[in-house]
C-alpha atoms as a PDB file:
ATOM      1  CA  MET A   1      21.192   1.908-143.070  1.00  0.00           C
ATOM      2  CA  ALA A   2      18.167   1.907-140.741  1.00  0.00           C
ATOM      3  CA  ALA A   3      19.538  -1.006-138.833  1.00  0.00           C
ATOM      4  CA  SER A   4      22.886   0.702-138.438  1.00  0.00           C
ATOM      5  CA  ARG A   5      21.235   3.907-137.174  1.00  0.00           C
ATOM      6  CA  ASP A   6      19.237   2.017-134.529  1.00  0.00           C
ATOM      7  CA  TYR A   7      22.225   0.057-133.258  1.00  0.00           C
ATOM      8  CA  PRO A   8      23.685   2.647-130.820  1.00  0.00           C
ATOM      9  CA  PHE A   9      20.459   3.084-128.881  1.00  0.00           C
ATOM     10  CA  PRO A  10      20.270  -0.499-127.421  1.00  0.00           C
ATOM     11  CA  LEU A  11      23.996  -0.311-126.743  1.00  0.00           C
ATOM     12  CA  LEU A  12      23.469   2.894-124.785  1.00  0.00           C
ATOM     13  CA  ILE A  13      20.763   1.232-122.672  1.00  0.00           C
ATOM     14  CA  VAL A  14      23.056  -1.730-121.866  1.00  0.00           C
ATOM     15  CA  CYS A  15      25.842   0.657-120.798  1.00  0.00           C
ATOM     16  CA  LEU A  16      23.489   2.574-118.524  1.00  0.00           C
ATOM     17  CA  LEU A  17      22.278  -0.619-116.873  1.00  0.00           C
ATOM     18  CA  PHE A  18      25.878  -1.786-116.429  1.00  0.00           C
ATOM     19  CA  VAL A  19      26.910   1.498-114.794  1.00  0.00           C
ATOM     20  CA  ARG A  20      23.834   1.480-112.515  1.00  0.00           C
ATOM     21  CA  GLY A  21      24.685  -2.005-111.234  1.00  0.00           C
ATOM     22  CA  TYR A  22      27.999  -0.722-109.810  1.00  0.00           C
ATOM     23  CA  SER A  23      26.929   2.827-108.885  1.00  0.00           C
ATOM     24  CA  PRO A  24      23.396   2.861-107.452  1.00  0.00           C
ATOM     25  CA  LEU A  25      21.493   6.023-108.120  1.00  0.00           C
ATOM     26  CA  PRO A  26      19.834   7.791-105.129  1.00  0.00           C
ATOM     27  CA  THR A  27      16.275   6.672-104.619  1.00  0.00           C
ATOM     28  CA  THR A  28      13.506   8.088-102.529  1.00  0.00           C
ATOM     29  CA  SER A  29      13.018   6.124 -99.284  1.00  0.00           C
ATOM     30  CA  LEU A  30       9.566   4.765 -98.639  1.00  0.00           C
ATOM     31  CA  GLU A  31      10.006   5.060 -94.855  1.00  0.00           C
ATOM     32  CA  THR A  32      10.601   8.187 -92.864  1.00  0.00           C
ATOM     33  CA  GLY A  33      14.008   8.346 -91.267  1.00  0.00           C
ATOM     34  CA  THR A  34      15.817   5.888 -93.581  1.00  0.00           C
ATOM     35  CA  ASN A  35      18.872   6.754 -95.631  1.00  0.00           C
ATOM     36  CA  PRO A  36      18.112   6.974 -99.376  1.00  0.00           C
ATOM     37  CA  MET A  37      21.742   6.115-100.153  1.00  0.00           C
ATOM     38  CA  ARG A  38      21.551   2.659 -98.554  1.00  0.00           C
ATOM     39  CA  PRO A  39      22.282  -0.275-100.946  1.00  0.00           C
ATOM     40  CA  MET A  40      19.269  -1.946-102.535  1.00  0.00           C
ATOM     41  CA  GLY A  41      18.385  -5.602-102.463  1.00  0.00           C
ATOM     42  CA  PRO A  42      18.123  -7.856-105.475  1.00  0.00           C
ATOM     43  CA  SER A  43      14.517  -6.840-106.011  1.00  0.00           C
ATOM     44  CA  GLY A  44      15.423  -3.164-106.133  1.00  0.00           C
ATOM     45  CA  PHE A  45      13.923  -2.321-102.714  1.00  0.00           C
ATOM     46  CA  LEU A  46      15.657  -1.661 -99.462  1.00  0.00           C
ATOM     47  CA  THR A  47      15.891  -4.823 -97.392  1.00  0.00           C
ATOM     48  CA  GLU A  48      14.837  -4.714 -93.737  1.00  0.00           C
ATOM     49  CA  ALA A  49      18.123  -6.254 -92.634  1.00  0.00           C
ATOM     50  CA  LEU A  50      20.051  -3.426 -94.273  1.00  0.00           C
ATOM     51  CA  VAL A  51      17.757  -0.670 -93.036  1.00  0.00           C
ATOM     52  CA  LEU A  52      18.290  -1.574 -89.377  1.00  0.00           C
ATOM     53  CA  SER A  53      21.875  -0.883 -88.385  1.00  0.00           C
ATOM     54  CA  THR A  54      23.810  -2.166 -85.386  1.00  0.00           C
ATOM     55  CA  GLU A  55      23.041   1.075 -83.545  1.00  0.00           C
ATOM     56  CA  ASP A  56      19.329   0.429 -84.127  1.00  0.00           C
ATOM     57  CA  TYR A  57      19.607  -2.960 -82.409  1.00  0.00           C
ATOM     58  CA  ASP A  58      21.514  -1.425 -79.501  1.00  0.00           C
ATOM     59  CA  GLN A  59      18.781   1.165 -79.053  1.00  0.00           C
ATOM     60  CA  LEU A  60      15.978  -1.357 -79.200  1.00  0.00           C
ATOM     61  CA  GLU A  61      17.476  -3.660 -76.574  1.00  0.00           C
ATOM     62  CA  ASP A  62      16.564  -2.732 -72.983  1.00  0.00           C
ATOM     63  CA  PRO A  63      19.553  -2.540 -70.615  1.00  0.00           C
ATOM     64  CA  VAL A  64      19.503  -5.376 -68.085  1.00  0.00           C
ATOM     65  CA  THR A  65      20.184  -4.175 -64.535  1.00  0.00           C
ATOM     66  CA  PRO A  66      21.267  -6.937 -62.135  1.00  0.00           C
ATOM     67  CA  ILE A  67      18.975  -7.210 -59.153  1.00  0.00           C
ATOM     68  CA  VAL A  68      20.929  -7.532 -55.889  1.00  0.00           C
ATOM     69  CA  PRO A  69      18.817  -9.164 -53.208  1.00  0.00           C
ATOM     70  CA  LYS A  70      18.732  -7.289 -49.920  1.00  0.00           C
ATOM     71  CA  VAL A  71      19.029  -9.144 -46.670  1.00  0.00           C
ATOM     72  CA  VAL A  72      16.007  -8.233 -44.612  1.00  0.00           C
ATOM     73  CA  SER A  73      15.722  -8.832 -40.909  1.00  0.00           C
ATOM     74  CA  PRO A  74      12.752 -10.951 -39.820  1.00  0.00           C
ATOM     75  CA  HIS A  75      11.890  -8.051 -37.510  1.00  0.00           C
ATOM     76  CA  GLY A  76      11.874  -5.549 -40.370  1.00  0.00           C
ATOM     77  CA  GLY A  77      14.588  -3.418 -41.960  1.00  0.00           C
ATOM     78  CA  ILE A  78      18.150  -4.264 -42.958  1.00  0.00           C
ATOM     79  CA  PRO A  79      19.957  -6.111 -40.120  1.00  0.00           C
ATOM     80  CA  GLN A  80      22.930  -4.519 -38.381  1.00  0.00           C
ATOM     81  CA  ARG A  81      25.958  -6.076 -36.685  1.00  0.00           C
ATOM     82  CA  CYS A  82      25.171  -7.495 -33.274  1.00  0.00           C
ATOM     83  CA  ASN A  83      26.247  -5.401 -30.297  1.00  0.00           C
ATOM     84  CA  TYR A  84      28.525  -8.178 -29.063  1.00  0.00           C
ATOM     85  CA  ASN A  85      31.937  -7.648 -27.447  1.00  0.00           C
ATOM     86  CA  PRO A  86      33.964 -10.876 -27.090  1.00  0.00           C
ATOM     87  CA  CYS A  87      36.024  -9.324 -24.264  1.00  0.00           C
ATOM     88  CA  LEU A  88      33.115  -8.592 -21.892  1.00  0.00           C
ATOM     89  CA  GLU A  89      31.845 -11.034 -19.296  1.00  0.00           C
ATOM     90  CA  ASN A  90      28.327 -12.324 -18.686  1.00  0.00           C
ATOM     91  CA  GLN A  91      26.986 -11.333 -22.110  1.00  0.00           C
ATOM     92  CA  VAL A  92      24.141 -12.959 -23.947  1.00  0.00           C
ATOM     93  CA  SER A  93      25.650 -15.109 -26.675  1.00  0.00           C
ATOM     94  CA  CYS A  94      25.747 -13.605 -30.141  1.00  0.00           C
ATOM     95  CA  THR A  95      23.640 -16.503 -31.441  1.00  0.00           C
ATOM     96  CA  LEU A  96      20.806 -15.615 -29.081  1.00  0.00           C
ATOM     97  CA  MET A  97      21.160 -11.936 -30.009  1.00  0.00           C
ATOM     98  CA  ALA A  98      20.806 -12.813 -33.685  1.00  0.00           C
ATOM     99  CA  ALA A  99      17.785 -15.024 -33.038  1.00  0.00           C
ATOM    100  CA  SER A 100      15.976 -12.382 -30.986  1.00  0.00           C
ATOM    101  CA  THR A 101      16.857  -9.183 -32.869  1.00  0.00           C
ATOM    102  CA  GLY A 102      17.816 -10.351 -36.374  1.00  0.00           C
ATOM    103  CA  CYS A 103      21.303  -8.830 -36.101  1.00  0.00           C
ATOM    104  CA  LEU A 104      24.365 -10.294 -37.827  1.00  0.00           C
ATOM    105  CA  CYS A 105      27.026 -12.225 -35.894  1.00  0.00           C
ATOM    106  CA  PRO A 106      30.628 -12.698 -37.032  1.00  0.00           C
ATOM    107  CA  GLY A 107      31.412 -16.100 -38.467  1.00  0.00           C
ATOM    108  CA  SER A 108      31.617 -18.736 -35.748  1.00  0.00           C
ATOM    109  CA  THR A 109      32.761 -22.356 -35.773  1.00  0.00           C
ATOM    110  CA  LEU A 110      30.210 -25.010 -34.880  1.00  0.00           C
ATOM    111  CA  HIS A 111      30.033 -27.208 -31.800  1.00  0.00           C
ATOM    112  CA  ASN A 112      31.483 -30.180 -33.668  1.00  0.00           C
ATOM    113  CA  ARG A 113      34.773 -28.368 -34.378  1.00  0.00           C
ATOM    114  CA  VAL A 114      37.669 -27.631 -32.046  1.00  0.00           C
ATOM    115  CA  PRO A 115      37.377 -23.957 -31.019  1.00  0.00           C
ATOM    116  CA  ASP A 116      39.796 -21.269 -32.098  1.00  0.00           C
ATOM    117  CA  ALA A 117      42.259 -19.951 -29.529  1.00  0.00           C
ATOM    118  CA  PRO A 118      41.115 -17.150 -27.198  1.00  0.00           C
ATOM    119  CA  ASP A 119      43.076 -13.897 -27.042  1.00  0.00           C
ATOM    120  CA  LEU A 120      44.984 -13.414 -23.776  1.00  0.00           C
ATOM    121  CA  LYS A 121      45.109  -9.673 -23.024  1.00  0.00           C
ATOM    122  CA  SER A 122      46.881  -9.284 -19.680  1.00  0.00           C
ATOM    123  CA  VAL A 123      48.517 -11.106 -16.784  1.00  0.00           C
ATOM    124  CA  SER A 124      48.962  -8.832 -13.770  1.00  0.00           C
ATOM    125  CA  TRP A 125      49.306  -8.715  -9.984  1.00  0.00           C
ATOM    126  CA  ASN A 126      46.307  -7.146  -8.232  1.00  0.00           C
ATOM    127  CA  GLY A 127      47.884  -6.883  -4.760  1.00  0.00           C
ATOM    128  CA  SER A 128      47.060 -10.356  -3.505  1.00  0.00           C
ATOM    129  CA  GLU A 129      47.223 -12.713  -6.501  1.00  0.00           C
ATOM    130  CA  VAL A 130      47.714 -12.923 -10.251  1.00  0.00           C
ATOM    131  CA  VAL A 131      44.701 -12.046 -12.433  1.00  0.00           C
ATOM    132  CA  ILE A 132      44.408 -12.719 -16.182  1.00  0.00           C
ATOM    133  CA  GLN A 133      42.036 -11.278 -18.792  1.00  0.00           C
ATOM    134  CA  TRP A 134      41.189 -12.680 -22.232  1.00  0.00           C
ATOM    135  CA  CYS A 135      38.765 -12.308 -25.162  1.00  0.00           C
ATOM    136  CA  ALA A 136      36.603 -15.152 -26.408  1.00  0.00           C
ATOM    137  CA  PRO A 137      37.078 -16.644 -29.881  1.00  0.00           C
ATOM    138  CA  TYR A 138      34.212 -16.750 -32.388  1.00  0.00           C
ATOM    139  CA  SER A 139      33.684 -20.417 -31.664  1.00  0.00           C
ATOM    140  CA  TYR A 140      31.472 -22.697 -29.638  1.00  0.00           C
ATOM    141  CA  VAL A 141      33.158 -22.866 -26.194  1.00  0.00           C
ATOM    142  CA  THR A 142      32.123 -24.763 -23.063  1.00  0.00           C
ATOM    143  CA  ALA A 143      35.014 -23.776 -20.754  1.00  0.00           C
ATOM    144  CA  TYR A 144      38.373 -22.008 -20.499  1.00  0.00           C
ATOM    145  CA  VAL A 145      41.465 -23.637 -19.002  1.00  0.00           C
ATOM    146  CA  VAL A 146      44.454 -21.697 -17.617  1.00  0.00           C
ATOM    147  CA  LYS A 147      47.882 -23.303 -17.420  1.00  0.00           C
ATOM    148  CA  VAL A 148      50.865 -21.875 -15.534  1.00  0.00           C
ATOM    149  CA  GLY A 149      54.247 -23.243 -16.555  1.00  0.00           C
ATOM    150  CA  GLY A 150      52.541 -26.002 -18.560  1.00  0.00           C
ATOM    151  CA  GLN A 151      50.483 -27.204 -15.579  1.00  0.00           C
ATOM    152  CA  GLU A 152      46.735 -26.694 -15.351  1.00  0.00           C
ATOM    153  CA  ARG A 153      45.970 -24.110 -12.673  1.00  0.00           C
ATOM    154  CA  GLN A 154      42.337 -23.001 -13.079  1.00  0.00           C
ATOM    155  CA  GLN A 155      39.211 -23.676 -15.138  1.00  0.00           C
ATOM    156  CA  PHE A 156      36.533 -21.052 -15.886  1.00  0.00           C
ATOM    157  CA  GLY A 157      33.061 -21.061 -17.405  1.00  0.00           C
ATOM    158  CA  ASN A 158      32.402 -20.056 -21.001  1.00  0.00           C
ATOM    159  CA  HIS A 159      30.781 -16.756 -19.894  1.00  0.00           C
ATOM    160  CA  GLN A 160      33.910 -15.579 -18.033  1.00  0.00           C
ATOM    161  CA  ARG A 161      36.648 -13.364 -19.528  1.00  0.00           C
ATOM    162  CA  SER A 162      38.910 -12.947 -16.463  1.00  0.00           C
ATOM    163  CA  GLY A 163      39.950 -14.836 -13.376  1.00  0.00           C
ATOM    164  CA  ALA A 164      42.468 -15.164 -10.558  1.00  0.00           C
ATOM    165  CA  VAL A 165      45.077 -17.924 -10.678  1.00  0.00           C
ATOM    166  CA  GLY A 166      46.716 -17.473  -7.278  1.00  0.00           C
ATOM    167  CA  ASP A 167      50.277 -16.446  -6.497  1.00  0.00           C
ATOM    168  CA  ILE A 168      53.114 -16.923  -8.993  1.00  0.00           C
ATOM    169  CA  ASP A 169      56.534 -16.360  -7.418  1.00  0.00           C
ATOM    170  CA  HIS A 170      58.767 -16.923 -10.451  1.00  0.00           C
ATOM    171  CA  ILE A 171      59.026 -15.965 -14.115  1.00  0.00           C
ATOM    172  CA  THR A 172      56.841 -18.354 -16.097  1.00  0.00           C
ATOM    173  CA  GLU A 173      54.469 -18.691 -19.037  1.00  0.00           C
ATOM    174  CA  VAL A 174      50.743 -18.296 -18.502  1.00  0.00           C
ATOM    175  CA  CYS A 175      48.364 -19.641 -21.169  1.00  0.00           C
ATOM    176  CA  VAL A 176      44.597 -19.778 -21.627  1.00  0.00           C
ATOM    177  CA  PHE A 177      42.813 -22.408 -23.751  1.00  0.00           C
ATOM    178  CA  ALA A 178      39.245 -22.746 -25.043  1.00  0.00           C
ATOM    179  CA  GLU A 179      37.637 -26.162 -25.108  1.00  0.00           C
ATOM    180  CA  ASN A 180      34.425 -27.945 -26.053  1.00  0.00           C
ATOM    181  CA  ASP A 181      33.318 -31.534 -26.578  1.00  0.00           C
ATOM    182  CA  SER A 182      35.405 -31.763 -29.775  1.00  0.00           C
ATOM    183  CA  GLY A 183      38.709 -30.826 -28.166  1.00  0.00           C
ATOM    184  CA  THR A 184      40.934 -28.027 -26.871  1.00  0.00           C
ATOM    185  CA  SER A 185      42.179 -25.031 -28.836  1.00  0.00           C
ATOM    186  CA  ASP A 186      45.720 -23.782 -29.142  1.00  0.00           C
ATOM    187  CA  GLY A 187      46.880 -21.656 -26.244  1.00  0.00           C
ATOM    188  CA  SER A 188      47.199 -17.889 -26.083  1.00  0.00           C
ATOM    189  CA  CYS A 189      50.221 -17.199 -23.843  1.00  0.00           C
ATOM    190  CA  MET A 190      52.141 -14.417 -22.099  1.00  0.00           C
ATOM    191  CA  MET A 191      55.258 -14.389 -19.912  1.00  0.00           C
ATOM    192  CA  TYR A 192      54.696 -13.281 -16.327  1.00  0.00           C
ATOM    193  CA  SER A 193      57.441 -11.724 -14.206  1.00  0.00           C
ATOM    194  CA  PRO A 194      56.500 -11.464 -10.500  1.00  0.00           C
ATOM    195  CA  ARG A 195      56.990  -8.147  -8.786  1.00  0.00           C
ATOM    196  CA  ASP A 196      59.405  -7.845  -5.818  1.00  0.00           C
ATOM    197  CA  ASN A 197      57.048  -8.320  -2.876  1.00  0.00           C
ATOM    198  CA  SER A 198      59.822  -7.442  -0.391  1.00  0.00           C
ATOM    199  CA  LEU A 199      60.124  -3.918  -1.749  1.00  0.00           C
ATOM    200  CA  PRO A 200      57.363  -2.455   0.487  1.00  0.00           C
ATOM    201  CA  LEU A 201      59.024  -4.037   3.527  1.00  0.00           C
ATOM    202  CA  LYS A 202      62.393  -2.593   2.576  1.00  0.00           C
ATOM    203  CA  ALA A 203      60.864   0.802   1.998  1.00  0.00           C
ATOM    204  CA  GLY A 204      59.201   0.627   5.436  1.00  0.00           C
ATOM    205  CA  LEU A 205      62.442  -0.321   7.147  1.00  0.00           C
ATOM    206  CA  ILE A 206      64.353   2.456   5.437  1.00  0.00           C
ATOM    207  CA  GLY A 207      61.650   4.996   6.277  1.00  0.00           C
ATOM    208  CA  GLY A 208      61.623   3.892   9.930  1.00  0.00           C
ATOM    209  CA  ALA A 209      65.376   4.161  10.203  1.00  0.00           C
ATOM    210  CA  LEU A 210      65.353   7.651   8.718  1.00  0.00           C
ATOM    211  CA  GLY A 211      62.595   8.706  11.109  1.00  0.00           C
ATOM    212  CA  PHE A 212      64.521   7.361  14.094  1.00  0.00           C
ATOM    213  CA  LEU A 213      67.669   9.195  13.047  1.00  0.00           C
ATOM    214  CA  LEU A 214      65.688  12.405  12.637  1.00  0.00           C
ATOM    215  CA  LEU A 215      64.177  12.089  16.111  1.00  0.00           C
ATOM    216  CA  LEU A 216      67.604  11.330  17.560  1.00  0.00           C
ATOM    217  CA  LEU A 217      69.067  14.401  15.880  1.00  0.00           C
ATOM    218  CA  LEU A 218      66.255  16.587  17.238  1.00  0.00           C
ATOM    219  CA  ALA A 219      66.788  15.193  20.739  1.00  0.00           C
ATOM    220  CA  VAL A 220      70.536  15.951  20.576  1.00  0.00           C
ATOM    221  CA  LEU A 221      69.902  19.485  19.372  1.00  0.00           C
ATOM    222  CA  LEU A 222      67.350  20.067  22.126  1.00  0.00           C
ATOM    223  CA  TRP A 223      69.742  18.729  24.785  1.00  0.00           C
ATOM    224  CA  ARG A 224      72.554  20.945  23.546  1.00  0.00           C
ATOM    225  CA  HIS A 225      70.255  23.936  23.492  1.00  0.00           C
ATOM    226  CA  ARG A 226      69.175  23.349  27.108  1.00  0.00           C
ATOM    227  CA  ARG A 227      72.762  22.773  28.224  1.00  0.00           C
ATOM    228  CA  GLN A 228      73.856  25.993  26.591  1.00  0.00           C
ATOM    229  CA  ARG A 229      71.071  27.940  28.343  1.00  0.00           C
ATOM    230  CA  LYS A 230      72.067  26.452  31.722  1.00  0.00           C
ATOM    231  CA  GLN A 231      75.679  27.454  31.160  1.00  0.00           C
ATOM    232  CA  GLU A 232      74.670  30.980  30.251  1.00  0.00           C
ATOM    233  CA  ALA A 233      72.444  31.207  33.324  1.00  0.00           C
ATOM    234  CA  SER A 234      75.259  29.941  35.560  1.00  0.00           C
ATOM    235  CA  ILE A 235      77.753  32.445  34.153  1.00  0.00           C
ATOM    236  CA  SER A 236      75.243  35.270  34.608  1.00  0.00           C
ATOM    237  CA  MET A 237      74.681  34.356  38.299  1.00  0.00           C
ATOM    238  CA  HIS A 238      78.436  34.129  38.886  1.00  0.00           C
ATOM    239  CA  ASP A 239      78.998  37.611  37.415  1.00  0.00           C
ATOM    240  CA  THR A 240      76.200  39.046  39.547  1.00  0.00           C
ATOM    241  CA  ALA A 241      77.714  37.579  42.711  1.00  0.00           C
ATOM    242  CA  GLU A 242      81.156  39.037  41.996  1.00  0.00           C
ATOM    243  CA  THR A 243      79.684  42.452  41.377  1.00  0.00           C
ATOM    244  CA  GLN A 244      77.997  42.473  44.770  1.00  0.00           C
END
């Protein structure tokens, strides 16, 4: 009977241990700031891997900020674009500007490559001959060649951006090319239509004829006016004589 009365007590302990294995009881955390409801390790203590959550790792890692290197001019400060206009004549080359001031030049092809084509801006008559204007390419150039109707007409230095090509008396194509030791670029072309040079002469002839006709008309009117006055004077003298 004593054995039967003691039997439920060990059974009760086994049941409690079984229930605790699946439903952990709240325990007091040994560290400040940890959750007492976290699962326990096999030894009954909170494991360090379980205490630190993913958010904890994110907070511990320092954010990495990419460092962007700044281009610094050898003369101090951040370099600016070079004050270079490819359409102006007699400028210092952009390469020399960059070397002396530390400015930035646009990309340019090297001397061992055929230059890019220049940009022909205008072909016009200046009163005595045809003048063209162009802009330089961002390339190494030794000279500019102008062709009229496919035939070479003029050659200019690499510092020039305009030039006269003489008289052109018919509609034709005018092209400018850039060249260096490696070859000649494609051409930049425009069609030129010559102005009517006889128009001023025609206008002068017409103006002279109109002036002559005007003078002739004034002379006729003056002659008629004098003739009329003579007739009136003659009639007046005749009437005076009859009265006497």
